[in-house]
Amino acid sequence: MVSNFQMPRYKEIILKGKTVKLKYCFTCKLYRPPRSSHCSVCDNCVERFDHHCPWVANCIGKRNYRFFYMFLVSLSILCVYILACNITNIVLRSQSQLVADAIKATPITVVQAVICFFSMWSIMCLCGYHTYLISSEVSTNEDIKESYSKKRNENSNPFDRGSICLNFANLLCSSISPSLINLRETIPRKLVNECNYNFDQLRSTNATKTISSSVDARDNSLTLNQNGTSFNNTRQFIIENV
């Protein structure tokens, strides 16, 4: 097996006549495909990595970016729709009574209108930002790092199709590639045997039981015996078994 330290950090490939660098991931032990990045939260390399979204508790990448974008669009429309319905309700009620009386009659309507009014701006701005990213065929990660910025004299974006419509069609209408993770794959027998061996070896030791009893007794002068070897104190036992 080739060690991580023997692998070059970067590898260059030619993509559409432009040089693209592939970075080696020491965690996943592979060269990341173009536009990929390692997520520290998911601990995986994600293809066409955009960002890790804490609200959906998942990475946004190649296979689910369209669903994330449609989620933002539908949420923006929903906020505007709820706000319009609440305002309409107050206006219709105010035709037969004073506005203050209409507000007192439906306080929930006012609360909903206020919440939607203040939350819709952040949601719509985020939706507009991702609309801009799609139109230019750039991910959030690439935009933050300015991967194709003219200020850095970098090469132009090799993934841009030269048209806003084509960029949107590629994202929303193209087929979804199959997942590289097979959740129904059976675990190799060799790996199962290794796990069972390690578990049996760990269970055969009395490390956990002895350490807990020593902590409870708060006695560092205990004489511990394991496999014919005596230890004068808990610290020596821990050091010998690390």
Protein backbone atom coordinates (compact mmCIF):
# COMPACT_ATOMS: atom_id res chain seq x y z
CA MET A 1 0.00 0.00 0.00
CA VAL A 2 1.27 3.45 -0.89
CA SER A 3 1.70 5.77 2.08
CA ASN A 4 0.01 9.15 2.19
CA PHE A 5 3.41 10.81 2.45
CA GLN A 6 4.45 9.27 -0.87
CA MET A 7 1.57 10.81 -2.78
CA PRO A 8 2.03 14.20 -4.49
CA ARG A 9 -0.13 16.88 -2.90
CA TYR A 10 -1.44 18.16 -6.24
CA LYS A 11 -2.03 16.67 -9.65
CA GLU A 12 -2.80 18.71 -12.76
CA ILE A 13 -5.21 17.67 -15.49
CA ILE A 14 -6.40 19.36 -18.67
CA LEU A 15 -10.14 20.06 -18.73
CA LYS A 16 -11.59 21.77 -21.79
CA GLY A 17 -8.17 23.04 -22.67
CA LYS A 18 -7.62 24.56 -19.22
CA THR A 19 -5.42 23.37 -16.38
CA VAL A 20 -7.26 22.15 -13.28
CA LYS A 21 -5.52 21.11 -10.07
CA LEU A 22 -6.62 18.00 -8.19
CA LYS A 23 -5.82 17.97 -4.48
CA TYR A 24 -5.00 14.78 -2.65
CA CYS A 25 -7.14 14.10 0.44
CA PHE A 26 -5.14 12.43 3.21
CA THR A 27 -8.35 11.46 5.01
CA CYS A 28 -10.21 9.79 2.14
CA LYS A 29 -6.95 8.71 0.45
CA LEU A 30 -7.90 9.85 -3.05
CA TYR A 31 -7.46 12.74 -5.44
CA ARG A 32 -10.55 14.89 -5.19
CA PRO A 33 -12.46 15.36 -8.45
CA PRO A 34 -12.71 18.91 -9.81
CA ARG A 35 -14.86 21.21 -7.62
CA SER A 36 -14.80 18.73 -4.75
CA SER A 37 -13.87 19.46 -1.16
CA HIS A 38 -13.61 17.60 2.12
CA CYS A 39 -16.35 18.47 4.62
CA SER A 40 -15.03 18.55 8.17
CA VAL A 41 -18.53 17.98 9.59
CA CYS A 42 -19.54 15.00 7.43
CA ASP A 43 -15.90 13.80 7.22
CA ASN A 44 -16.30 12.97 3.53
CA CYS A 45 -15.19 14.38 0.22
CA VAL A 46 -18.25 15.89 -1.47
CA GLU A 47 -18.45 16.18 -5.25
CA ARG A 48 -19.18 19.72 -6.43
CA PHE A 49 -19.12 20.87 -2.83
CA ASP A 50 -21.20 24.00 -2.23
CA HIS A 51 -21.46 24.29 1.55
CA HIS A 52 -22.52 22.42 4.65
CA CYS A 53 -25.99 23.57 5.64
CA PRO A 54 -26.76 23.30 9.38
CA TRP A 55 -30.49 23.85 8.76
CA VAL A 56 -30.84 20.64 6.74
CA ALA A 57 -27.96 18.91 8.60
CA ASN A 58 -26.31 17.84 5.38
CA CYS A 59 -23.79 18.87 2.76
CA ILE A 60 -25.09 20.63 -0.35
CA GLY A 61 -23.36 19.23 -3.40
CA LYS A 62 -23.80 17.79 -6.85
CA ARG A 63 -26.76 15.48 -6.23
CA ASN A 64 -28.92 17.63 -3.94
CA TYR A 65 -28.13 21.22 -4.91
CA ARG A 66 -31.22 21.53 -7.14
CA PHE A 67 -33.46 20.43 -4.27
CA PHE A 68 -31.83 22.95 -1.95
CA TYR A 69 -32.36 25.71 -4.50
CA MET A 70 -36.01 24.77 -5.07
CA PHE A 71 -36.44 24.72 -1.29
CA LEU A 72 -35.23 28.33 -1.11
CA VAL A 73 -37.49 29.37 -4.00
CA SER A 74 -40.58 27.71 -2.51
CA LEU A 75 -39.82 29.14 0.95
CA SER A 76 -39.51 32.65 -0.49
CA ILE A 77 -42.84 32.29 -2.30
CA LEU A 78 -44.45 30.92 0.86
CA CYS A 79 -43.29 33.90 2.95
CA VAL A 80 -44.63 36.38 0.42
CA TYR A 81 -47.91 34.45 0.15
CA ILE A 82 -48.48 34.34 3.92
CA LEU A 83 -47.63 38.03 4.28
CA ALA A 84 -50.05 38.96 1.47
CA CYS A 85 -52.85 36.86 2.99
CA ASN A 86 -52.37 38.42 6.42
CA ILE A 87 -52.41 41.97 5.01
CA THR A 88 -55.50 41.14 2.95
CA ASN A 89 -57.25 39.80 6.04
CA ILE A 90 -56.59 43.00 8.00
CA VAL A 91 -57.66 45.21 5.05
CA LEU A 92 -60.94 43.34 4.61
CA ARG A 93 -61.71 43.54 8.32
CA SER A 94 -60.87 47.24 8.45
CA GLN A 95 -63.59 47.99 5.87
CA SER A 96 -66.31 47.27 8.42
CA GLN A 97 -64.47 48.50 11.52
CA LEU A 98 -61.49 50.52 12.62
CA VAL A 99 -58.00 49.26 11.84
CA ALA A 100 -57.16 49.09 15.56
CA ASP A 101 -60.26 46.99 16.21
CA ALA A 102 -59.36 44.71 13.29
CA ILE A 103 -55.88 44.21 14.71
CA LYS A 104 -57.29 43.46 18.17
CA ALA A 105 -59.70 40.95 16.67
CA THR A 106 -56.93 39.01 14.90
CA PRO A 107 -53.64 39.37 16.83
CA ILE A 108 -52.26 36.12 15.33
CA THR A 109 -52.52 37.68 11.87
CA VAL A 110 -50.34 40.56 12.96
CA VAL A 111 -47.77 38.24 14.53
CA GLN A 112 -47.57 36.15 11.37
CA ALA A 113 -47.24 39.25 9.21
CA VAL A 114 -44.38 40.61 11.33
CA ILE A 115 -42.51 37.29 11.35
CA CYS A 116 -42.86 36.85 7.58
CA PHE A 117 -41.91 40.46 6.89
CA PHE A 118 -38.59 40.23 8.75
CA SER A 119 -37.69 36.67 7.72
CA MET A 120 -38.52 36.98 4.03
CA TRP A 121 -35.65 39.38 3.35
CA SER A 122 -32.91 37.02 4.46
CA ILE A 123 -34.53 34.10 2.64
CA MET A 124 -35.04 36.06 -0.58
CA CYS A 125 -31.49 37.44 -0.45
CA LEU A 126 -30.12 33.93 -0.03
CA CYS A 127 -32.29 32.72 -2.91
CA GLY A 128 -31.09 35.59 -5.08
CA TYR A 129 -27.47 34.86 -4.20
CA HIS A 130 -27.80 31.23 -5.27
CA THR A 131 -29.61 32.35 -8.43
CA TYR A 132 -26.54 34.42 -9.25
CA LEU A 133 -24.26 31.45 -8.53
CA ILE A 134 -26.27 29.18 -10.82
CA SER A 135 -26.29 31.71 -13.63
CA SER A 136 -22.48 31.93 -13.50
CA GLU A 137 -21.98 28.18 -12.78
CA VAL A 138 -20.05 28.81 -9.56
CA SER A 139 -20.50 27.15 -6.18
CA THR A 140 -20.54 28.95 -2.85
CA ASN A 141 -17.17 27.46 -1.95
CA GLU A 142 -15.64 28.63 -5.23
CA ASP A 143 -17.16 32.10 -4.88
CA ILE A 144 -15.78 32.55 -1.35
CA LYS A 145 -12.32 31.36 -2.40
CA GLU A 146 -12.53 33.41 -5.61
CA SER A 147 -11.35 30.41 -7.60
CA TYR A 148 -12.08 32.06 -10.95
CA SER A 149 -11.58 35.68 -9.95
CA LYS A 150 -9.93 37.99 -12.45
CA LYS A 151 -8.14 39.72 -9.57
CA ARG A 152 -6.08 36.58 -8.99
CA ASN A 153 -5.41 36.17 -12.71
CA GLU A 154 -6.93 32.72 -12.58
CA ASN A 155 -8.17 30.82 -15.60
CA SER A 156 -11.76 31.40 -16.61
CA ASN A 157 -14.37 29.01 -15.32
CA PRO A 158 -14.11 25.81 -17.41
CA PHE A 159 -17.54 24.65 -16.22
CA ASP A 160 -19.44 27.72 -17.47
CA ARG A 161 -21.54 26.84 -20.53
CA GLY A 162 -21.54 30.40 -21.78
CA SER A 163 -25.27 30.96 -21.29
CA ILE A 164 -27.46 31.58 -18.26
CA CYS A 165 -30.20 29.36 -19.70
CA LEU A 166 -27.78 26.49 -20.28
CA ASN A 167 -26.40 26.81 -16.76
CA PHE A 168 -29.90 26.67 -15.28
CA ALA A 169 -30.87 23.77 -17.57
CA ASN A 170 -27.79 21.84 -16.50
CA LEU A 171 -28.69 22.24 -12.84
CA LEU A 172 -32.47 21.77 -12.94
CA CYS A 173 -33.04 19.48 -15.92
CA SER A 174 -30.01 17.19 -16.13
CA SER A 175 -30.20 13.65 -14.82
CA ILE A 176 -28.95 12.97 -11.29
CA SER A 177 -25.85 10.83 -11.23
CA PRO A 178 -25.99 7.70 -9.04
CA SER A 179 -24.58 7.86 -5.57
CA LEU A 180 -21.03 6.66 -5.04
CA ILE A 181 -22.06 5.26 -1.65
CA ASN A 182 -23.84 1.91 -1.75
CA LEU A 183 -25.92 1.76 1.42
CA ARG A 184 -27.02 -1.82 0.69
CA GLU A 185 -23.51 -3.12 0.20
CA THR A 186 -22.59 -6.04 2.45
CA ILE A 187 -19.61 -5.70 4.75
CA PRO A 188 -16.67 -7.87 3.62
CA ARG A 189 -16.16 -10.96 5.78
CA LYS A 190 -12.52 -10.03 6.36
CA LEU A 191 -13.51 -6.69 7.88
CA VAL A 192 -16.14 -8.36 10.09
CA ASN A 193 -13.58 -10.85 11.40
CA GLU A 194 -11.12 -8.05 12.15
CA CYS A 195 -13.79 -6.09 14.05
CA ASN A 196 -14.81 -9.18 16.03
CA TYR A 197 -11.18 -9.90 16.88
CA ASN A 198 -10.58 -6.37 18.10
CA PHE A 199 -13.80 -6.44 20.11
CA ASP A 200 -12.93 -9.76 21.76
CA GLN A 201 -9.45 -8.51 22.54
CA LEU A 202 -10.85 -5.36 24.13
CA ARG A 203 -13.44 -7.31 26.09
CA SER A 204 -10.84 -9.75 27.42
CA THR A 205 -8.94 -6.97 29.15
CA ASN A 206 -9.95 -5.61 32.52
CA ALA A 207 -8.86 -2.06 31.76
CA THR A 208 -12.26 -0.43 32.03
CA LYS A 209 -13.27 -2.35 35.12
CA THR A 210 -9.97 -1.79 36.91
CA ILE A 211 -9.75 1.93 36.09
CA SER A 212 -13.33 2.57 37.23
CA SER A 213 -12.80 0.67 40.47
CA SER A 214 -9.60 2.58 41.11
CA VAL A 215 -11.32 5.91 40.50
CA ASP A 216 -14.19 4.98 42.79
CA ALA A 217 -11.82 3.86 45.53
CA ARG A 218 -9.51 6.82 44.89
CA ASP A 219 -6.60 4.54 45.75
CA ASN A 220 -3.51 4.81 43.53
CA SER A 221 -1.64 2.17 45.49
CA LEU A 222 -3.72 -0.78 44.29
CA THR A 223 -1.84 -3.82 43.06
CA LEU A 224 -3.35 -4.92 39.75
CA ASN A 225 -2.72 -8.24 38.01
CA GLN A 226 -3.26 -8.86 34.32
CA ASN A 227 -1.85 -11.77 32.34
CA GLY A 228 0.64 -12.52 35.09
CA THR A 229 1.94 -8.91 35.20
CA SER A 230 1.53 -6.87 38.35
CA PHE A 231 1.16 -3.08 38.36
CA ASN A 232 1.83 -0.98 41.41
CA ASN A 233 -0.59 1.80 40.57
CA THR A 234 -3.27 2.82 38.13
CA ARG A 235 -1.03 5.22 36.19
CA GLN A 236 1.46 2.45 35.38
CA PHE A 237 -1.40 0.19 34.29
CA ILE A 238 -2.77 2.83 31.91
CA ILE A 239 0.63 3.60 30.42
CA GLU A 240 1.39 -0.08 29.82
CA ASN A 241 -1.94 -0.62 28.05
CA VAL A 242 -1.91 2.46 25.76
